[in-house]
Amino acid sequence: MEKLSPKIKFAIIGVAGFVAPRHLQAIKNIDGDLLAAFDISDSVGVLDSYFPDCDFFTSIDMFEKFLKQTKIDYLVVCSPNYLHIEHCLVGLRNGINVICEKPLCLNSEDLKKLQEAEQASQKQIFTILQLRLHHEIIALKENINPTVFYAGELNYYTPRGNWYYESWKGIEAKSGGIATNIGVHFFDMLCWFFGEPQEIIVLQKDAIEAKGILVFKNAKIKWHLSIDRKLVAKRQIVLNGKEIVFTEGFNHLHTKCYEAIIAGRGFKTIEILSSTKIIEQIQAYH
């Protein structure tokens, strides 16, 4: 009889949040086991649909005590953006590899701190860059010709209600602002296509929208991000007059990210350096 491999064991921080169910589903899809969850909110009935036997904590100290006493393979971080660095360090100092939602951090100084902590702990942080696993984005990258100069646009409109401005997402010091909340994975996509940006131009930025231009060695891309409720939701890229609208195919991208991580192909901290510099410069614009 074939011996079954032991399940990969997970713990999660931020299980009551918006993005956590995507991670819970991904863990279930790869036949992993969630042993512990932490959140300051106890509205976590979502666990019953995925891992009802999971231990739950509202005290970070008790949660970390559990981590010290239990073999955990990956700590998943789904907390608010400004807490990502603190919660990634929880995993590393307990000898656990980390899977962190984007943005991994809000500036290059914090990214350096996390990389130093990785080296000290000999563990790794993996971040979720799901657009790199979207079939249409992969096909688009494969058709990028490095000898051709591309003029293009990136437009992403995703309307948000009044709650947004009262939450931590509406506080730029905590979220990084609109460019980080909704734009960071698209900026990563452009860097994946074209490499390190040579110039980062910000033309406008407020709580509702941001506009600018990214100049690469072989591309100049105008970008526009908005959460204005008057606009129709849109994900659009235009390159040299060819429009690519991608609205489908997002349902299982977190699962693909988890599959890549456990197969040794996860996205590491070095890969987000360029996009971190972009969001850092946009935050500095006044």
C-alpha atoms as a PDB file:
ATOM      1  CA  MET A   1       0.000   0.000   0.000  1.00  0.00           C
ATOM      2  CA  GLU A   2       1.387   3.417  -0.985  1.00  0.00           C
ATOM      3  CA  LYS A   3       2.296   5.579   1.995  1.00  0.00           C
ATOM      4  CA  LEU A   4       0.480   8.919   1.971  1.00  0.00           C
ATOM      5  CA  SER A   5       2.576  12.054   2.325  1.00  0.00           C
ATOM      6  CA  PRO A   6       1.863  14.083   5.484  1.00  0.00           C
ATOM      7  CA  LYS A   7      -0.310  17.117   4.951  1.00  0.00           C
ATOM      8  CA  ILE A   8       1.381  20.498   4.749  1.00  0.00           C
ATOM      9  CA  LYS A   9       0.542  22.428   7.910  1.00  0.00           C
ATOM     10  CA  PHE A  10      -0.489  26.093   7.886  1.00  0.00           C
ATOM     11  CA  ALA A  11      -1.344  28.875  10.306  1.00  0.00           C
ATOM     12  CA  ILE A  12      -2.911  32.197   9.302  1.00  0.00           C
ATOM     13  CA  ILE A  13      -2.942  35.782  10.582  1.00  0.00           C
ATOM     14  CA  GLY A  14      -5.895  37.927   9.504  1.00  0.00           C
ATOM     15  CA  VAL A  15      -8.479  35.210   8.952  1.00  0.00           C
ATOM     16  CA  ALA A  16     -11.458  37.580   9.374  1.00  0.00           C
ATOM     17  CA  GLY A  17     -10.359  39.784   6.502  1.00  0.00           C
ATOM     18  CA  PHE A  18     -11.602  40.155   2.930  1.00  0.00           C
ATOM     19  CA  VAL A  19      -8.842  38.182   1.224  1.00  0.00           C
ATOM     20  CA  ALA A  20      -8.547  35.321   3.730  1.00  0.00           C
ATOM     21  CA  PRO A  21     -11.166  33.040   2.086  1.00  0.00           C
ATOM     22  CA  ARG A  22      -9.029  32.877  -1.064  1.00  0.00           C
ATOM     23  CA  HIS A  23      -6.192  31.518   1.064  1.00  0.00           C
ATOM     24  CA  LEU A  24      -8.438  29.137   2.957  1.00  0.00           C
ATOM     25  CA  GLN A  25      -9.728  27.770  -0.340  1.00  0.00           C
ATOM     26  CA  ALA A  26      -6.187  27.456  -1.706  1.00  0.00           C
ATOM     27  CA  ILE A  27      -5.018  25.539   1.381  1.00  0.00           C
ATOM     28  CA  LYS A  28      -8.007  23.210   1.068  1.00  0.00           C
ATOM     29  CA  ASN A  29      -7.443  22.773  -2.676  1.00  0.00           C
ATOM     30  CA  ILE A  30      -3.853  21.597  -2.168  1.00  0.00           C
ATOM     31  CA  ASP A  31      -5.024  19.251   0.615  1.00  0.00           C
ATOM     32  CA  GLY A  32      -3.201  21.227   3.281  1.00  0.00           C
ATOM     33  CA  ASP A  33      -4.247  21.513   6.916  1.00  0.00           C
ATOM     34  CA  LEU A  34      -4.871  24.789   8.756  1.00  0.00           C
ATOM     35  CA  LEU A  35      -3.977  24.287  12.414  1.00  0.00           C
ATOM     36  CA  ALA A  36      -4.270  27.808  13.838  1.00  0.00           C
ATOM     37  CA  ALA A  37      -5.701  31.212  13.004  1.00  0.00           C
ATOM     38  CA  PHE A  38      -5.361  34.643  14.579  1.00  0.00           C
ATOM     39  CA  ASP A  39      -7.447  37.799  14.228  1.00  0.00           C
ATOM     40  CA  ILE A  40      -8.454  40.628  16.534  1.00  0.00           C
ATOM     41  CA  SER A  41     -11.985  40.167  15.181  1.00  0.00           C
ATOM     42  CA  ASP A  42     -13.853  37.040  16.232  1.00  0.00           C
ATOM     43  CA  SER A  43     -16.220  37.138  13.231  1.00  0.00           C
ATOM     44  CA  VAL A  44     -14.573  34.089  11.726  1.00  0.00           C
ATOM     45  CA  GLY A  45     -17.447  31.732  10.988  1.00  0.00           C
ATOM     46  CA  VAL A  46     -15.855  31.334   7.558  1.00  0.00           C
ATOM     47  CA  LEU A  47     -13.545  28.784   9.178  1.00  0.00           C
ATOM     48  CA  ASP A  48     -16.439  26.352   9.560  1.00  0.00           C
ATOM     49  CA  SER A  49     -16.657  25.939   5.787  1.00  0.00           C
ATOM     50  CA  TYR A  50     -12.983  25.065   5.462  1.00  0.00           C
ATOM     51  CA  PHE A  51     -11.237  24.020   8.691  1.00  0.00           C
ATOM     52  CA  PRO A  52     -13.692  23.744  11.610  1.00  0.00           C
ATOM     53  CA  ASP A  53     -11.062  22.047  13.811  1.00  0.00           C
ATOM     54  CA  CYS A  54      -8.645  24.952  13.423  1.00  0.00           C
ATOM     55  CA  ASP A  55      -7.568  26.559  16.723  1.00  0.00           C
ATOM     56  CA  PHE A  56      -8.473  30.246  16.869  1.00  0.00           C
ATOM     57  CA  PHE A  57      -6.811  33.048  18.829  1.00  0.00           C
ATOM     58  CA  THR A  58      -7.567  36.727  19.391  1.00  0.00           C
ATOM     59  CA  SER A  59      -4.310  37.193  21.333  1.00  0.00           C
ATOM     60  CA  ILE A  60      -1.141  37.401  19.252  1.00  0.00           C
ATOM     61  CA  ASP A  61       0.888  36.230  22.258  1.00  0.00           C
ATOM     62  CA  MET A  62      -1.190  33.064  22.649  1.00  0.00           C
ATOM     63  CA  PHE A  63      -1.063  32.501  18.900  1.00  0.00           C
ATOM     64  CA  GLU A  64       2.715  32.803  18.885  1.00  0.00           C
ATOM     65  CA  LYS A  65       2.952  30.455  21.859  1.00  0.00           C
ATOM     66  CA  PHE A  66       1.019  27.915  19.794  1.00  0.00           C
ATOM     67  CA  LEU A  67       3.455  28.398  16.896  1.00  0.00           C
ATOM     68  CA  LYS A  68       6.416  27.737  19.189  1.00  0.00           C
ATOM     69  CA  GLN A  69       4.883  24.460  20.371  1.00  0.00           C
ATOM     70  CA  THR A  70       3.580  23.161  17.039  1.00  0.00           C
ATOM     71  CA  LYS A  71       5.206  22.124  13.773  1.00  0.00           C
ATOM     72  CA  ILE A  72       3.948  24.594  11.159  1.00  0.00           C
ATOM     73  CA  ASP A  73       5.249  24.639   7.579  1.00  0.00           C
ATOM     74  CA  TYR A  74       3.841  28.010   6.449  1.00  0.00           C
ATOM     75  CA  LEU A  75       2.470  31.068   8.194  1.00  0.00           C
ATOM     76  CA  VAL A  76      -0.005  32.926   5.968  1.00  0.00           C
ATOM     77  CA  VAL A  77      -0.240  36.707   6.461  1.00  0.00           C
ATOM     78  CA  CYS A  78      -3.517  38.387   5.415  1.00  0.00           C
ATOM     79  CA  SER A  79      -3.508  41.287   7.862  1.00  0.00           C
ATOM     80  CA  PRO A  80      -3.723  45.004   6.918  1.00  0.00           C
ATOM     81  CA  ASN A  81      -0.834  46.262   4.787  1.00  0.00           C
ATOM     82  CA  TYR A  82       0.987  48.172   7.533  1.00  0.00           C
ATOM     83  CA  LEU A  83       1.129  45.028   9.704  1.00  0.00           C
ATOM     84  CA  HIS A  84       2.646  42.758   7.072  1.00  0.00           C
ATOM     85  CA  ILE A  85       6.258  43.332   8.102  1.00  0.00           C
ATOM     86  CA  GLU A  86       5.461  42.725  11.792  1.00  0.00           C
ATOM     87  CA  HIS A  87       3.523  39.548  11.057  1.00  0.00           C
ATOM     88  CA  CYS A  88       6.072  38.177   8.585  1.00  0.00           C
ATOM     89  CA  LEU A  89       8.659  38.532  11.340  1.00  0.00           C
ATOM     90  CA  VAL A  90       6.418  36.440  13.632  1.00  0.00           C
ATOM     91  CA  GLY A  91       6.810  33.574  11.207  1.00  0.00           C
ATOM     92  CA  LEU A  92      10.522  33.976  10.591  1.00  0.00           C
ATOM     93  CA  ARG A  93      11.498  34.223  14.252  1.00  0.00           C
ATOM     94  CA  ASN A  94       9.600  30.992  14.897  1.00  0.00           C
ATOM     95  CA  GLY A  95      11.384  29.179  12.081  1.00  0.00           C
ATOM     96  CA  ILE A  96       8.412  29.160   9.715  1.00  0.00           C
ATOM     97  CA  ASN A  97       8.286  30.018   6.021  1.00  0.00           C
ATOM     98  CA  VAL A  98       5.823  32.807   5.262  1.00  0.00           C
ATOM     99  CA  ILE A  99       3.208  33.367   2.548  1.00  0.00           C
ATOM    100  CA  CYS A 100       2.212  37.033   2.533  1.00  0.00           C
ATOM    101  CA  GLU A 101      -0.517  38.826   0.629  1.00  0.00           C
ATOM    102  CA  LYS A 102       0.472  41.801  -1.474  1.00  0.00           C
ATOM    103  CA  PRO A 103       1.807  44.312  -0.836  1.00  0.00           C
ATOM    104  CA  LEU A 104       4.522  42.522   1.092  1.00  0.00           C
ATOM    105  CA  CYS A 105       5.635  45.905   2.430  1.00  0.00           C
ATOM    106  CA  LEU A 106       5.161  49.615   1.762  1.00  0.00           C
ATOM    107  CA  ASN A 107       8.739  50.730   1.098  1.00  0.00           C
ATOM    108  CA  SER A 108      12.178  49.475   0.126  1.00  0.00           C
ATOM    109  CA  GLU A 109      13.585  49.974   3.648  1.00  0.00           C
ATOM    110  CA  ASP A 110      11.058  47.509   5.062  1.00  0.00           C
ATOM    111  CA  LEU A 111      11.772  45.113   2.204  1.00  0.00           C
ATOM    112  CA  LYS A 112      15.463  45.190   3.143  1.00  0.00           C
ATOM    113  CA  LYS A 113      14.565  44.430   6.789  1.00  0.00           C
ATOM    114  CA  LEU A 114      12.534  41.418   5.718  1.00  0.00           C
ATOM    115  CA  GLN A 115      15.323  40.131   3.481  1.00  0.00           C
ATOM    116  CA  GLU A 116      17.808  40.449   6.350  1.00  0.00           C
ATOM    117  CA  ALA A 117      15.401  38.572   8.622  1.00  0.00           C
ATOM    118  CA  GLU A 118      15.085  35.845   5.985  1.00  0.00           C
ATOM    119  CA  GLN A 119      18.837  35.403   5.917  1.00  0.00           C
ATOM    120  CA  ALA A 120      19.078  35.311   9.719  1.00  0.00           C
ATOM    121  CA  SER A 121      16.278  32.760  10.057  1.00  0.00           C
ATOM    122  CA  GLN A 122      17.197  30.719   6.963  1.00  0.00           C
ATOM    123  CA  LYS A 123      13.494  30.734   6.100  1.00  0.00           C
ATOM    124  CA  GLN A 124      11.768  32.362   3.151  1.00  0.00           C
ATOM    125  CA  ILE A 125       8.917  34.759   2.495  1.00  0.00           C
ATOM    126  CA  PHE A 126       6.738  34.163  -0.553  1.00  0.00           C
ATOM    127  CA  THR A 127       4.356  36.786  -1.852  1.00  0.00           C
ATOM    128  CA  ILE A 128       1.165  36.498  -3.873  1.00  0.00           C
ATOM    129  CA  LEU A 129       1.693  37.797  -7.424  1.00  0.00           C
ATOM    130  CA  GLN A 130      -1.273  36.064  -8.957  1.00  0.00           C
ATOM    131  CA  LEU A 131      -1.319  38.005 -12.240  1.00  0.00           C
ATOM    132  CA  ARG A 132       1.912  36.242 -13.205  1.00  0.00           C
ATOM    133  CA  LEU A 133      -0.122  33.027 -13.231  1.00  0.00           C
ATOM    134  CA  HIS A 134      -3.108  34.337 -15.201  1.00  0.00           C
ATOM    135  CA  HIS A 135      -3.222  32.595 -18.576  1.00  0.00           C
ATOM    136  CA  GLU A 136      -3.902  35.772 -20.567  1.00  0.00           C
ATOM    137  CA  ILE A 137      -1.093  37.661 -18.814  1.00  0.00           C
ATOM    138  CA  ILE A 138       1.324  34.787 -19.411  1.00  0.00           C
ATOM    139  CA  ALA A 139       0.390  34.760 -23.105  1.00  0.00           C
ATOM    140  CA  LEU A 140       0.864  38.525 -23.280  1.00  0.00           C
ATOM    141  CA  LYS A 141       4.318  38.321 -21.702  1.00  0.00           C
ATOM    142  CA  GLU A 142       5.355  35.568 -24.124  1.00  0.00           C
ATOM    143  CA  ASN A 143       4.480  37.888 -27.021  1.00  0.00           C
ATOM    144  CA  ILE A 144       6.505  40.844 -25.720  1.00  0.00           C
ATOM    145  CA  ASN A 145       9.335  41.476 -28.198  1.00  0.00           C
ATOM    146  CA  PRO A 146      12.389  43.008 -26.451  1.00  0.00           C
ATOM    147  CA  THR A 147      13.462  44.665 -29.709  1.00  0.00           C
ATOM    148  CA  VAL A 148      10.151  46.548 -30.069  1.00  0.00           C
ATOM    149  CA  PHE A 149       9.257  49.773 -28.247  1.00  0.00           C
ATOM    150  CA  TYR A 150       5.798  49.667 -26.677  1.00  0.00           C
ATOM    151  CA  ALA A 151       3.520  52.624 -26.043  1.00  0.00           C
ATOM    152  CA  GLY A 152       0.621  51.649 -23.866  1.00  0.00           C
ATOM    153  CA  GLU A 153      -1.950  52.209 -21.164  1.00  0.00           C
ATOM    154  CA  LEU A 154      -2.977  50.435 -18.007  1.00  0.00           C
ATOM    155  CA  ASN A 155      -6.443  51.281 -16.688  1.00  0.00           C
ATOM    156  CA  TYR A 156      -7.886  49.672 -13.579  1.00  0.00           C
ATOM    157  CA  TYR A 157     -11.187  50.890 -12.148  1.00  0.00           C
ATOM    158  CA  THR A 158     -12.703  49.069  -9.189  1.00  0.00           C
ATOM    159  CA  PRO A 159     -15.438  51.110  -7.428  1.00  0.00           C
ATOM    160  CA  ARG A 160     -15.468  51.226  -3.619  1.00  0.00           C
ATOM    161  CA  GLY A 161     -18.164  52.381  -1.188  1.00  0.00           C
ATOM    162  CA  ASN A 162     -17.987  54.847   1.692  1.00  0.00           C
ATOM    163  CA  TRP A 163     -16.713  52.156   4.085  1.00  0.00           C
ATOM    164  CA  TYR A 164     -13.373  52.233   2.272  1.00  0.00           C
ATOM    165  CA  TYR A 165     -12.475  55.738   3.443  1.00  0.00           C
ATOM    166  CA  GLU A 166     -13.250  54.944   7.091  1.00  0.00           C
ATOM    167  CA  SER A 167     -11.213  51.736   7.097  1.00  0.00           C
ATOM    168  CA  TRP A 168      -7.436  51.336   7.332  1.00  0.00           C
ATOM    169  CA  LYS A 169      -7.434  51.152   3.525  1.00  0.00           C
ATOM    170  CA  GLY A 170      -8.396  54.829   3.390  1.00  0.00           C
ATOM    171  CA  ILE A 171      -5.465  55.876   5.599  1.00  0.00           C
ATOM    172  CA  GLU A 172      -2.409  56.187   3.361  1.00  0.00           C
ATOM    173  CA  ALA A 173       0.072  55.698   6.205  1.00  0.00           C
ATOM    174  CA  LYS A 174      -1.493  52.297   6.900  1.00  0.00           C
ATOM    175  CA  SER A 175      -2.374  51.088   3.407  1.00  0.00           C
ATOM    176  CA  GLY A 176       0.036  52.942   1.146  1.00  0.00           C
ATOM    177  CA  GLY A 177      -2.896  54.547  -0.639  1.00  0.00           C
ATOM    178  CA  ILE A 178      -4.717  53.652  -3.812  1.00  0.00           C
ATOM    179  CA  ALA A 179      -1.590  52.708  -5.770  1.00  0.00           C
ATOM    180  CA  THR A 180      -0.779  50.047  -3.172  1.00  0.00           C
ATOM    181  CA  ASN A 181      -4.310  48.897  -2.394  1.00  0.00           C
ATOM    182  CA  ILE A 182      -5.341  48.196  -5.985  1.00  0.00           C
ATOM    183  CA  GLY A 183      -2.288  48.875  -8.145  1.00  0.00           C
ATOM    184  CA  VAL A 184       0.711  47.013  -6.777  1.00  0.00           C
ATOM    185  CA  HIS A 185       0.085  43.721  -8.621  1.00  0.00           C
ATOM    186  CA  PHE A 186      -0.428  45.591 -11.899  1.00  0.00           C
ATOM    187  CA  PHE A 187       2.828  47.476 -11.402  1.00  0.00           C
ATOM    188  CA  ASP A 188       4.509  44.133 -10.741  1.00  0.00           C
ATOM    189  CA  MET A 189       3.011  42.835 -13.986  1.00  0.00           C
ATOM    190  CA  LEU A 190       4.498  45.723 -15.968  1.00  0.00           C
ATOM    191  CA  CYS A 191       7.922  45.188 -14.372  1.00  0.00           C
ATOM    192  CA  TRP A 192       7.609  41.485 -15.201  1.00  0.00           C
ATOM    193  CA  PHE A 193       6.989  42.449 -18.814  1.00  0.00           C
ATOM    194  CA  PHE A 194       9.539  45.238 -19.228  1.00  0.00           C
ATOM    195  CA  GLY A 195      12.062  45.097 -16.382  1.00  0.00           C
ATOM    196  CA  GLU A 196      13.219  47.869 -14.055  1.00  0.00           C
ATOM    197  CA  PRO A 197      11.471  51.206 -14.638  1.00  0.00           C
ATOM    198  CA  GLN A 198      13.827  53.988 -15.679  1.00  0.00           C
ATOM    199  CA  GLU A 199      11.440  56.776 -14.716  1.00  0.00           C
ATOM    200  CA  ILE A 200       8.390  56.886 -12.445  1.00  0.00           C
ATOM    201  CA  ILE A 201       6.158  59.879 -13.127  1.00  0.00           C
ATOM    202  CA  VAL A 202       3.145  60.712 -10.959  1.00  0.00           C
ATOM    203  CA  LEU A 203       0.706  63.176 -12.523  1.00  0.00           C
ATOM    204  CA  GLN A 204      -2.126  63.019 -10.004  1.00  0.00           C
ATOM    205  CA  LYS A 205      -2.896  61.314  -6.727  1.00  0.00           C
ATOM    206  CA  ASP A 206      -5.708  61.617  -4.233  1.00  0.00           C
ATOM    207  CA  ALA A 207      -7.879  59.286  -2.185  1.00  0.00           C
ATOM    208  CA  ILE A 208      -9.992  58.290  -5.195  1.00  0.00           C
ATOM    209  CA  GLU A 209      -7.600  58.017  -8.130  1.00  0.00           C
ATOM    210  CA  ALA A 210      -3.999  58.193  -9.263  1.00  0.00           C
ATOM    211  CA  LYS A 211      -2.442  58.713 -12.681  1.00  0.00           C
ATOM    212  CA  GLY A 212       1.064  58.617 -14.036  1.00  0.00           C
ATOM    213  CA  ILE A 213       3.579  57.250 -16.508  1.00  0.00           C
ATOM    214  CA  LEU A 214       6.103  54.446 -16.197  1.00  0.00           C
ATOM    215  CA  VAL A 215       9.082  54.596 -18.540  1.00  0.00           C
ATOM    216  CA  PHE A 216      11.024  51.403 -19.204  1.00  0.00           C
ATOM    217  CA  LYS A 217      13.892  50.663 -21.568  1.00  0.00           C
ATOM    218  CA  ASN A 218      11.500  49.569 -24.305  1.00  0.00           C
ATOM    219  CA  ALA A 219       8.117  50.851 -23.107  1.00  0.00           C
ATOM    220  CA  LYS A 220       6.229  53.929 -21.975  1.00  0.00           C
ATOM    221  CA  ILE A 221       3.017  53.089 -20.136  1.00  0.00           C
ATOM    222  CA  LYS A 222       0.375  55.544 -18.965  1.00  0.00           C
ATOM    223  CA  TRP A 223      -1.471  54.243 -15.924  1.00  0.00           C
ATOM    224  CA  HIS A 224      -4.742  55.211 -14.278  1.00  0.00           C
ATOM    225  CA  LEU A 225      -6.141  53.690 -11.098  1.00  0.00           C
ATOM    226  CA  SER A 226      -9.536  54.628  -9.678  1.00  0.00           C
ATOM    227  CA  ILE A 227     -12.058  53.571  -7.053  1.00  0.00           C
ATOM    228  CA  ASP A 228     -14.591  56.181  -8.212  1.00  0.00           C
ATOM    229  CA  ARG A 229     -18.119  54.741  -8.101  1.00  0.00           C
ATOM    230  CA  LYS A 230     -19.068  56.791 -11.163  1.00  0.00           C
ATOM    231  CA  LEU A 231     -16.776  54.681 -13.327  1.00  0.00           C
ATOM    232  CA  VAL A 232     -17.572  51.224 -14.663  1.00  0.00           C
ATOM    233  CA  ALA A 233     -15.274  48.490 -13.363  1.00  0.00           C
ATOM    234  CA  LYS A 234     -12.461  47.783 -15.818  1.00  0.00           C
ATOM    235  CA  ARG A 235      -9.180  45.892 -16.124  1.00  0.00           C
ATOM    236  CA  GLN A 236      -7.512  46.957 -19.355  1.00  0.00           C
ATOM    237  CA  ILE A 237      -4.091  46.972 -20.958  1.00  0.00           C
ATOM    238  CA  VAL A 238      -3.371  48.606 -24.315  1.00  0.00           C
ATOM    239  CA  LEU A 239      -0.026  47.930 -25.997  1.00  0.00           C
ATOM    240  CA  ASN A 240       0.770  49.537 -29.357  1.00  0.00           C
ATOM    241  CA  GLY A 241      -2.927  49.961 -30.067  1.00  0.00           C
ATOM    242  CA  LYS A 242      -3.920  46.400 -29.154  1.00  0.00           C
ATOM    243  CA  GLU A 243      -6.415  46.247 -26.292  1.00  0.00           C
ATOM    244  CA  ILE A 244      -6.428  43.418 -23.794  1.00  0.00           C
ATOM    245  CA  VAL A 245      -9.344  43.355 -21.363  1.00  0.00           C
ATOM    246  CA  PHE A 246      -9.014  40.614 -18.781  1.00  0.00           C
ATOM    247  CA  THR A 247     -12.025  40.127 -16.559  1.00  0.00           C
ATOM    248  CA  GLU A 248     -12.135  36.339 -16.290  1.00  0.00           C
ATOM    249  CA  GLY A 249      -9.787  33.659 -15.019  1.00  0.00           C
ATOM    250  CA  PHE A 250      -9.151  35.024 -11.516  1.00  0.00           C
ATOM    251  CA  ASN A 251     -10.993  32.391  -9.486  1.00  0.00           C
ATOM    252  CA  HIS A 252      -8.183  29.921  -8.830  1.00  0.00           C
ATOM    253  CA  LEU A 253      -5.061  32.069  -9.015  1.00  0.00           C
ATOM    254  CA  HIS A 254      -4.346  31.843  -5.280  1.00  0.00           C
ATOM    255  CA  THR A 255      -4.424  28.067  -5.552  1.00  0.00           C
ATOM    256  CA  LYS A 256      -1.930  28.293  -8.412  1.00  0.00           C
ATOM    257  CA  CYS A 257       0.284  30.474  -6.221  1.00  0.00           C
ATOM    258  CA  TYR A 258       0.189  27.878  -3.432  1.00  0.00           C
ATOM    259  CA  GLU A 259       0.928  25.070  -5.866  1.00  0.00           C
ATOM    260  CA  ALA A 260       3.931  27.007  -7.145  1.00  0.00           C
ATOM    261  CA  ILE A 261       5.198  27.662  -3.608  1.00  0.00           C
ATOM    262  CA  ILE A 262       5.067  24.034  -2.472  1.00  0.00           C
ATOM    263  CA  ALA A 263       6.688  23.004  -5.781  1.00  0.00           C
ATOM    264  CA  GLY A 264       9.617  25.362  -5.137  1.00  0.00           C
ATOM    265  CA  ARG A 265       8.559  28.000  -7.685  1.00  0.00           C
ATOM    266  CA  GLY A 266       7.092  30.613  -5.348  1.00  0.00           C
ATOM    267  CA  PHE A 267       7.635  34.349  -5.821  1.00  0.00           C
ATOM    268  CA  LYS A 268      10.409  35.533  -3.512  1.00  0.00           C
ATOM    269  CA  THR A 269      11.158  38.922  -1.977  1.00  0.00           C
ATOM    270  CA  ILE A 270      13.755  39.907  -4.587  1.00  0.00           C
ATOM    271  CA  GLU A 271      11.075  39.825  -7.272  1.00  0.00           C
ATOM    272  CA  ILE A 272       9.057  42.683  -5.802  1.00  0.00           C
ATOM    273  CA  LEU A 273      11.892  45.225  -5.538  1.00  0.00           C
ATOM    274  CA  SER A 274      10.885  47.122  -8.701  1.00  0.00           C
ATOM    275  CA  SER A 275       7.172  47.331  -7.858  1.00  0.00           C
ATOM    276  CA  THR A 276       8.037  48.371  -4.281  1.00  0.00           C
ATOM    277  CA  LYS A 277      10.073  51.292  -5.615  1.00  0.00           C
ATOM    278  CA  ILE A 278       7.106  52.336  -7.761  1.00  0.00           C
ATOM    279  CA  ILE A 279       4.567  52.384  -4.924  1.00  0.00           C
ATOM    280  CA  GLU A 280       7.107  54.080  -2.661  1.00  0.00           C
ATOM    281  CA  GLN A 281       7.572  56.925  -5.115  1.00  0.00           C
ATOM    282  CA  ILE A 282       3.827  57.294  -5.665  1.00  0.00           C
ATOM    283  CA  GLN A 283       3.314  57.525  -1.895  1.00  0.00           C
ATOM    284  CA  ALA A 284       5.910  60.333  -1.752  1.00  0.00           C
ATOM    285  CA  TYR A 285       3.982  62.431  -4.290  1.00  0.00           C
ATOM    286  CA  HIS A 286       2.128  65.442  -2.839  1.00  0.00           C
END
